[in-house]
């Protein structure tokens, strides 16, 4: 009788483990929210820009362009923009003077004004 109960218990544990394992495997993976992180700064006569896709604790470098607006004011996103630096994850542009220009890392949208040409 004791051996029979032991076999039944062992079988129940084995079946439970299989069911639990199946439940874990069948459960959908938790989706991680991903967010772009990008920005631009002026320091020491140099424009620096960065662009990463952050998913949880992982950061993946993304293509980036530093663009200067060369068109008439007011700034027009579809106006004349000149790409002065490119990179993956980051890009830098050495300013040649302190004249003020508008700069963008998103093709004209969200442009910022810096004393750099």
N, C-alpha and C. Protein backbone atom coordinates (compact mmCIF):
# COMPACT_ATOMS: atom_id res chain seq x y z
N UNK A 1 0.82 -1.18 0.00
CA UNK A 1 0.00 0.00 0.00
C UNK A 1 0.88 1.26 0.00
N UNK A 2 1.93 1.25 0.83
CA UNK A 2 2.81 2.40 0.92
C UNK A 2 3.50 2.66 -0.43
N UNK A 3 3.96 1.57 -1.09
CA UNK A 3 4.62 1.73 -2.39
C UNK A 3 3.65 2.26 -3.43
N UNK A 4 2.41 1.82 -3.37
CA UNK A 4 1.41 2.29 -4.33
C UNK A 4 1.18 3.79 -4.14
N UNK A 5 1.06 4.26 -2.91
CA UNK A 5 0.86 5.68 -2.63
C UNK A 5 2.08 6.49 -3.09
N UNK A 6 3.25 5.92 -2.92
CA UNK A 6 4.47 6.59 -3.33
C UNK A 6 4.51 6.75 -4.85
N UNK A 7 4.11 5.69 -5.58
CA UNK A 7 4.07 5.77 -7.04
C UNK A 7 3.03 6.79 -7.50
N UNK A 8 1.89 6.81 -6.86
CA UNK A 8 0.83 7.77 -7.23
C UNK A 8 1.32 9.19 -6.94
N UNK A 9 1.97 9.39 -5.82
CA UNK A 9 2.50 10.71 -5.47
C UNK A 9 3.56 11.14 -6.47
N UNK A 10 4.45 10.22 -6.83
CA UNK A 10 5.50 10.54 -7.80
C UNK A 10 4.89 10.88 -9.15
N UNK A 11 3.87 10.12 -9.56
CA UNK A 11 3.19 10.39 -10.83
C UNK A 11 2.51 11.75 -10.78
N UNK A 12 1.88 12.06 -9.66
CA UNK A 12 1.20 13.35 -9.52
C UNK A 12 2.20 14.50 -9.59
N UNK A 13 3.35 14.33 -8.95
CA UNK A 13 4.38 15.36 -8.99
C UNK A 13 4.89 15.53 -10.42
N UNK A 14 5.12 14.42 -11.12
CA UNK A 14 5.60 14.48 -12.50
C UNK A 14 4.58 15.17 -13.40
N UNK A 15 3.31 14.81 -13.26
CA UNK A 15 2.26 15.43 -14.07
C UNK A 15 2.17 16.92 -13.73
N UNK A 16 2.25 17.24 -12.44
CA UNK A 16 2.21 18.65 -12.02
C UNK A 16 3.37 19.44 -12.60
N UNK A 17 4.54 18.84 -12.64
CA UNK A 17 5.71 19.52 -13.20
C UNK A 17 5.53 19.76 -14.69
N UNK A 18 4.99 18.77 -15.39
CA UNK A 18 4.75 18.92 -16.83
C UNK A 18 3.73 20.03 -17.06
N UNK A 19 2.64 20.01 -16.29
CA UNK A 19 1.61 21.04 -16.46
C UNK A 19 2.18 22.41 -16.13
N UNK A 20 2.91 22.51 -15.04
CA UNK A 20 3.51 23.80 -14.67
C UNK A 20 4.49 24.26 -15.72
N UNK A 21 5.30 23.35 -16.25
CA UNK A 21 6.25 23.70 -17.29
C UNK A 21 5.55 24.18 -18.54
N UNK A 22 4.45 23.52 -18.89
CA UNK A 22 3.68 23.93 -20.06
C UNK A 22 3.09 25.30 -19.84
N UNK A 23 2.60 25.55 -18.63
CA UNK A 23 2.00 26.85 -18.34
C UNK A 23 3.05 27.96 -18.45
N UNK A 24 4.26 27.69 -17.99
CA UNK A 24 5.30 28.70 -18.06
C UNK A 24 5.70 28.95 -19.50
N UNK A 25 5.83 27.88 -20.28
CA UNK A 25 6.21 28.02 -21.68
C UNK A 25 5.11 28.72 -22.46
N UNK A 26 3.85 28.40 -22.16
CA UNK A 26 2.73 28.96 -22.92
C UNK A 26 2.41 30.39 -22.53
N UNK A 27 2.91 30.85 -21.39
CA UNK A 27 2.61 32.22 -20.96
C UNK A 27 3.29 33.20 -21.91
N UNK A 28 2.58 34.25 -22.32
CA UNK A 28 3.18 35.22 -23.23
C UNK A 28 4.29 36.01 -22.55
N UNK A 29 5.31 36.32 -23.31
CA UNK A 29 6.41 37.11 -22.77
C UNK A 29 5.94 38.53 -22.52
N UNK A 30 6.43 39.12 -21.46
CA UNK A 30 6.06 40.50 -21.14
C UNK A 30 6.72 41.43 -22.14
N UNK A 31 5.92 42.25 -22.79
CA UNK A 31 6.45 43.18 -23.78
C UNK A 31 7.17 44.32 -23.06
N UNK A 32 8.37 44.63 -23.55
CA UNK A 32 9.12 45.74 -22.98
C UNK A 32 8.81 47.00 -23.78
N UNK A 33 8.53 48.06 -23.09
CA UNK A 33 8.29 49.33 -23.76
C UNK A 33 9.63 49.91 -24.21
N UNK A 34 9.68 50.35 -25.45
CA UNK A 34 10.89 50.95 -26.00
C UNK A 34 10.64 52.43 -26.26
N UNK A 35 11.65 53.24 -25.97
CA UNK A 35 11.53 54.68 -26.13
C UNK A 35 12.80 55.23 -26.77
N UNK A 36 12.65 56.12 -27.77
CA UNK A 36 13.85 56.76 -28.31
C UNK A 36 14.38 57.81 -27.34
N UNK A 37 15.67 57.89 -27.24
CA UNK A 37 16.33 58.92 -26.44
C UNK A 37 17.27 59.65 -27.39
N UNK A 38 17.03 60.95 -27.56
CA UNK A 38 17.89 61.73 -28.45
C UNK A 38 17.98 63.15 -27.92
N UNK A 39 19.06 63.78 -28.28
CA UNK A 39 19.26 65.14 -27.83
C UNK A 39 20.47 65.76 -28.50
N UNK A 40 20.63 67.07 -28.27
CA UNK A 40 21.73 67.81 -28.88
C UNK A 40 22.19 68.88 -27.89
N UNK A 41 23.49 69.05 -27.78
CA UNK A 41 24.06 70.06 -26.89
C UNK A 41 25.22 70.78 -27.58
N UNK A 42 25.53 71.95 -27.08
CA UNK A 42 26.68 72.72 -27.54
C UNK A 42 27.63 72.87 -26.36
N UNK A 43 28.87 72.42 -26.54
CA UNK A 43 29.87 72.53 -25.48
C UNK A 43 31.25 72.66 -26.11
N UNK A 44 32.01 73.63 -25.67
CA UNK A 44 33.38 73.79 -26.15
C UNK A 44 33.47 74.03 -27.65
N UNK A 45 32.51 74.74 -28.21
CA UNK A 45 32.53 75.02 -29.65
C UNK A 45 32.20 73.82 -30.51
N UNK A 46 31.55 72.85 -29.93
CA UNK A 46 31.20 71.64 -30.69
C UNK A 46 29.76 71.24 -30.39
N UNK A 47 29.00 70.95 -31.46
CA UNK A 47 27.65 70.41 -31.30
C UNK A 47 27.77 68.90 -31.17
N UNK A 48 27.09 68.34 -30.22
CA UNK A 48 27.05 66.89 -30.05
C UNK A 48 25.61 66.43 -30.05
N UNK A 49 25.34 65.33 -30.71
CA UNK A 49 23.99 64.77 -30.76
C UNK A 49 24.06 63.28 -30.48
N UNK A 50 22.98 62.75 -29.90
CA UNK A 50 22.91 61.31 -29.63
C UNK A 50 21.52 60.81 -29.95
N UNK A 51 21.43 59.51 -30.25
CA UNK A 51 20.14 58.87 -30.54
C UNK A 51 20.26 57.38 -30.22
N UNK A 52 19.46 56.94 -29.23
CA UNK A 52 19.43 55.53 -28.82
C UNK A 52 17.99 55.09 -28.67
N UNK A 53 17.74 53.82 -28.91
CA UNK A 53 16.45 53.21 -28.62
C UNK A 53 16.64 52.43 -27.33
N UNK A 54 15.91 52.81 -26.29
CA UNK A 54 16.05 52.20 -24.97
C UNK A 54 14.86 51.29 -24.73
N UNK A 55 15.16 50.00 -24.52
CA UNK A 55 14.14 48.98 -24.24
C UNK A 55 14.52 48.32 -22.91
N UNK A 56 13.82 48.67 -21.87
CA UNK A 56 14.18 48.14 -20.55
C UNK A 56 15.56 48.63 -20.17
N UNK A 57 16.49 47.70 -19.98
CA UNK A 57 17.86 48.07 -19.62
C UNK A 57 18.80 48.04 -20.82
N UNK A 58 18.28 47.76 -22.00
CA UNK A 58 19.10 47.69 -23.22
C UNK A 58 19.02 48.99 -24.00
N UNK A 59 20.14 49.47 -24.50
CA UNK A 59 20.21 50.65 -25.36
C UNK A 59 20.82 50.25 -26.69
N UNK A 60 20.13 50.59 -27.78
CA UNK A 60 20.60 50.27 -29.12
C UNK A 60 20.88 51.56 -29.87
N UNK A 61 22.13 51.79 -30.33
CA UNK A 61 22.45 53.00 -31.08
C UNK A 61 21.61 53.09 -32.36
N UNK A 62 21.15 54.29 -32.67
CA UNK A 62 20.33 54.53 -33.86
C UNK A 62 21.02 55.57 -34.75
N UNK A 63 20.68 55.59 -36.04
CA UNK A 63 21.26 56.60 -36.94
C UNK A 63 20.89 58.01 -36.47
N UNK A 64 21.82 58.94 -36.65
CA UNK A 64 21.59 60.33 -36.23
C UNK A 64 22.23 61.26 -37.26
N UNK A 65 21.61 62.40 -37.48
CA UNK A 65 22.15 63.45 -38.35
C UNK A 65 22.08 64.77 -37.60
N UNK A 66 23.11 65.58 -37.73
CA UNK A 66 23.05 66.96 -37.27
C UNK A 66 22.83 67.80 -38.53
N UNK A 67 21.75 68.58 -38.52
CA UNK A 67 21.39 69.37 -39.70
C UNK A 67 21.30 70.85 -39.34
N UNK A 68 21.81 71.69 -40.24
CA UNK A 68 21.80 73.15 -40.06
C UNK A 68 20.76 73.74 -41.00
N UNK A 69 19.98 74.70 -40.49
CA UNK A 69 18.98 75.36 -41.32
C UNK A 69 19.63 76.51 -42.07
N UNK A 70 19.57 76.48 -43.40
CA UNK A 70 20.16 77.51 -44.23
C UNK A 70 19.12 78.31 -45.00
N UNK A 71 17.86 78.14 -44.65
CA UNK A 71 16.79 78.84 -45.35
C UNK A 71 16.39 80.12 -44.66
N UNK A 72 15.39 80.81 -45.23
CA UNK A 72 14.91 82.06 -44.63
C UNK A 72 14.11 81.80 -43.36
N UNK A 73 14.09 82.80 -42.48
CA UNK A 73 13.27 82.69 -41.26
C UNK A 73 11.84 83.08 -41.60
N UNK A 74 10.85 82.57 -40.90
CA UNK A 74 10.94 81.62 -39.80
C UNK A 74 11.36 80.24 -40.29
N UNK A 75 11.84 79.43 -39.36
CA UNK A 75 12.30 78.08 -39.69
C UNK A 75 11.14 77.27 -40.27
N UNK A 76 11.43 76.61 -41.37
CA UNK A 76 10.44 75.79 -42.06
C UNK A 76 10.97 74.35 -42.10
N UNK A 77 10.25 73.39 -41.50
CA UNK A 77 10.74 72.00 -41.50
C UNK A 77 11.02 71.45 -42.90
N UNK A 78 10.33 71.97 -43.91
CA UNK A 78 10.57 71.48 -45.27
C UNK A 78 11.50 72.41 -46.04
N UNK A 79 12.11 73.38 -45.35
CA UNK A 79 13.03 74.32 -45.99
C UNK A 79 14.39 73.71 -46.27
N UNK A 80 15.39 74.58 -46.42
CA UNK A 80 16.74 74.15 -46.79
C UNK A 80 17.54 73.78 -45.55
N UNK A 81 17.78 72.49 -45.38
CA UNK A 81 18.58 71.96 -44.27
C UNK A 81 19.81 71.29 -44.85
N UNK A 82 20.96 71.53 -44.24
CA UNK A 82 22.21 70.93 -44.68
C UNK A 82 22.70 69.97 -43.61
N UNK A 83 22.93 68.72 -44.01
CA UNK A 83 23.47 67.73 -43.07
C UNK A 83 24.97 67.97 -42.93
N UNK A 84 25.42 68.20 -41.69
CA UNK A 84 26.83 68.51 -41.45
C UNK A 84 27.57 67.38 -40.73
N UNK A 85 26.84 66.45 -40.13
CA UNK A 85 27.48 65.32 -39.44
C UNK A 85 26.48 64.18 -39.32
N UNK A 86 26.98 62.95 -39.41
CA UNK A 86 26.13 61.77 -39.26
C UNK A 86 26.85 60.75 -38.39
N UNK A 87 26.09 59.82 -37.86
CA UNK A 87 26.68 58.77 -37.05
C UNK A 87 25.63 57.77 -36.62
N UNK A 88 26.05 56.79 -35.85
CA UNK A 88 25.14 55.81 -35.26
C UNK A 88 25.33 55.89 -33.76
N UNK A 89 24.30 56.33 -33.07
CA UNK A 89 24.38 56.53 -31.63
C UNK A 89 24.82 57.93 -31.27
N UNK A 90 25.74 58.51 -32.04
CA UNK A 90 26.21 59.86 -31.75
C UNK A 90 26.89 60.48 -32.95
N UNK A 91 26.93 61.80 -32.97
CA UNK A 91 27.61 62.55 -34.03
C UNK A 91 28.07 63.88 -33.43
N UNK A 92 29.15 64.43 -33.98
CA UNK A 92 29.69 65.71 -33.52
C UNK A 92 29.98 66.61 -34.70
N UNK A 93 29.83 67.91 -34.47
CA UNK A 93 30.16 68.92 -35.48
C UNK A 93 30.95 70.03 -34.80
N UNK A 94 32.13 70.33 -35.33
CA UNK A 94 32.97 71.40 -34.80
C UNK A 94 32.51 72.73 -35.39
N UNK A 95 32.09 73.66 -34.53
CA UNK A 95 31.63 74.98 -34.99
C UNK A 95 32.82 75.77 -35.54
N UNK A 96 32.55 76.59 -36.56
CA UNK A 96 33.61 77.41 -37.14
C UNK A 96 33.47 78.88 -36.75
N UNK A 97 32.30 79.27 -36.24
CA UNK A 97 32.11 80.63 -35.73
C UNK A 97 30.97 80.61 -34.71
N UNK A 98 30.71 81.77 -34.12
CA UNK A 98 29.66 81.83 -33.11
C UNK A 98 28.38 82.50 -33.63
N UNK A 99 28.25 82.61 -34.94
CA UNK A 99 27.00 83.14 -35.50
C UNK A 99 25.87 82.17 -35.16
N UNK A 100 24.71 82.72 -34.88
CA UNK A 100 23.58 81.89 -34.45
C UNK A 100 22.87 81.28 -35.65
N UNK A 101 22.64 79.98 -35.57
CA UNK A 101 21.89 79.23 -36.59
C UNK A 101 20.90 78.31 -35.89
N UNK A 102 19.96 77.81 -36.65
CA UNK A 102 19.04 76.80 -36.14
C UNK A 102 19.55 75.42 -36.53
N UNK A 103 19.44 74.48 -35.60
CA UNK A 103 19.97 73.13 -35.78
C UNK A 103 18.90 72.12 -35.45
N UNK A 104 18.98 70.96 -36.08
CA UNK A 104 18.00 69.91 -35.82
C UNK A 104 18.66 68.54 -35.92
N UNK A 105 18.10 67.59 -35.21
CA UNK A 105 18.52 66.20 -35.36
C UNK A 105 17.37 65.36 -35.89
N UNK A 106 16.25 66.02 -36.20
CA UNK A 106 15.07 65.28 -36.66
C UNK A 106 14.56 65.83 -37.98
N UNK A 107 15.43 66.30 -38.83
CA UNK A 107 15.02 66.74 -40.14
C UNK A 107 14.19 68.01 -40.15
N UNK A 108 14.44 68.91 -39.23
CA UNK A 108 13.75 70.19 -39.25
C UNK A 108 12.72 70.35 -38.16
N UNK A 109 12.20 69.25 -37.67
CA UNK A 109 11.24 69.32 -36.58
C UNK A 109 12.00 69.45 -35.27
N UNK A 110 11.44 70.15 -34.32
CA UNK A 110 12.07 70.35 -33.02
C UNK A 110 13.45 70.98 -33.15
N UNK A 111 13.57 72.00 -33.99
CA UNK A 111 14.86 72.65 -34.16
C UNK A 111 15.19 73.50 -32.94
N UNK A 112 16.50 73.71 -32.73
CA UNK A 112 16.99 74.52 -31.62
C UNK A 112 17.98 75.53 -32.15
N UNK A 113 18.07 76.65 -31.47
CA UNK A 113 18.98 77.71 -31.88
C UNK A 113 20.26 77.62 -31.05
N UNK A 114 21.41 77.60 -31.76
CA UNK A 114 22.71 77.58 -31.10
C UNK A 114 23.62 78.61 -31.77
N UNK A 115 24.54 79.17 -31.00
CA UNK A 115 25.54 80.09 -31.54
C UNK A 115 26.68 79.26 -32.12
N UNK A 116 26.47 78.78 -33.32
CA UNK A 116 27.42 77.87 -33.97
C UNK A 116 27.13 77.87 -35.46
N UNK A 117 28.16 77.97 -36.28
CA UNK A 117 28.00 77.78 -37.73
C UNK A 117 29.11 76.91 -38.24
